[in-house]
Each structure stands twice: as structure tokens, then as C-alpha cells.
Amino acid sequence: MSKSIGSVALEHRVDALFSRYSQPGSPGAVVAVMRAGAIELCKGYGLASIELGVPIGPKTRSVRPAAQVSA
């Protein structure tokens, strides 16, 4: 399935915002963006466990919501 131009632009913007979490040894974060009740982007950056070098991702079990913003 191909992504729309808007989805690609959104992913590039979020990638730029979370680029510091993509550095080696960085603590991680998972970002999810929903619009009109549908997930537009769900992506992990950095590590879930710095000690073990385990990357974080949308399916990482220890992920807990930290914030919710509505526009």
C-alpha cells in the first residue's frame, strides 16, 4: 500500500522532531498520530531498554500513553 503525499510529509516532520531519539544509545519514544479516528502514523524512535539495546516500536509491550492532544 502506498502512502499519500500528506502522510509522507507528516512522517518527515515527525522524524525531524524525534531525530534526537534515533541516536545510538538514546532512550526511546513511540509516536502515534490520529486524524478523524484513524491512525495516520505510529512509529518508534530509540531504545526501550538502553541497558539491553532493545529498540522501541509500536508493539513494544512496556509503552504507556504519556500525553494526548486534541486539535
Protein backbone atom coordinates (compact mmCIF):
# COMPACT_ATOMS: atom_id res chain seq x y z
CA MET A 1 0.00 0.00 0.00
CA SER A 2 1.48 3.35 -0.99
CA LYS A 3 1.40 6.39 1.26
CA SER A 4 -0.24 9.66 0.30
CA ILE A 5 1.88 12.77 -0.11
CA GLY A 6 0.34 14.16 3.09
CA SER A 7 1.27 11.02 5.04
CA VAL A 8 4.84 11.13 3.76
CA ALA A 9 5.13 14.82 4.69
CA LEU A 10 3.73 14.08 8.18
CA GLU A 11 6.24 11.25 8.67
CA HIS A 12 9.14 13.51 7.61
CA ARG A 13 8.03 16.21 10.07
CA VAL A 14 7.70 13.75 12.95
CA ASP A 15 11.05 12.14 12.02
CA ALA A 16 12.68 15.59 12.24
CA LEU A 17 11.08 16.29 15.65
CA PHE A 18 12.24 12.95 17.08
CA SER A 19 15.63 12.72 15.34
CA ARG A 20 17.50 13.05 18.65
CA TYR A 21 15.86 9.79 19.78
CA SER A 22 17.34 7.98 16.78
CA GLN A 23 20.92 8.43 18.02
CA PRO A 24 22.78 5.32 19.29
CA GLY A 25 22.07 4.67 22.98
CA SER A 26 19.14 7.10 23.10
CA PRO A 27 16.08 6.47 25.27
CA GLY A 28 13.02 5.90 23.17
CA ALA A 29 9.58 7.17 22.39
CA VAL A 30 6.63 5.92 20.37
CA VAL A 31 4.59 8.49 18.50
CA ALA A 32 1.07 7.92 17.22
CA VAL A 33 -0.86 10.46 15.20
CA MET A 34 -4.59 10.02 14.72
CA ARG A 35 -6.83 12.07 12.50
CA ALA A 36 -10.60 11.62 12.26
CA GLY A 37 -10.38 8.45 14.37
CA ALA A 38 -7.84 6.75 12.10
CA ILE A 39 -4.15 6.17 12.81
CA GLU A 40 -2.06 8.12 10.30
CA LEU A 41 1.34 7.37 11.80
CA CYS A 42 2.64 5.06 14.53
CA LYS A 43 6.40 4.82 14.82
CA GLY A 44 9.10 4.15 17.39
CA TYR A 45 12.34 6.06 17.92
CA GLY A 46 15.30 5.00 20.08
CA LEU A 47 15.53 2.23 22.66
CA ALA A 48 13.03 0.61 25.01
CA SER A 49 15.96 -0.69 27.09
CA ILE A 50 19.22 1.22 26.98
CA GLU A 51 20.94 -1.50 29.03
CA LEU A 52 19.93 -4.30 26.65
CA GLY A 53 19.91 -2.25 23.43
CA VAL A 54 16.29 -3.21 22.69
CA PRO A 55 14.66 -0.87 20.15
CA ILE A 56 11.26 0.62 20.92
CA GLY A 57 8.36 0.33 18.50
CA PRO A 58 4.58 0.50 18.29
CA LYS A 59 4.29 -3.12 19.52
CA THR A 60 6.68 -2.72 22.46
CA ARG A 61 4.80 -4.05 25.49
CA SER A 62 6.04 -1.50 28.04
CA VAL A 63 4.72 1.52 26.13
CA ARG A 64 2.25 3.66 28.09
CA PRO A 65 0.44 6.78 26.90
CA ALA A 66 2.16 9.93 28.17
CA ALA A 67 0.09 12.63 26.51
CA GLN A 68 -2.92 13.22 24.34
CA VAL A 69 -3.54 16.39 22.37
CA SER A 70 -6.72 17.26 20.51
CA ALA A 71 -6.96 20.00 17.95
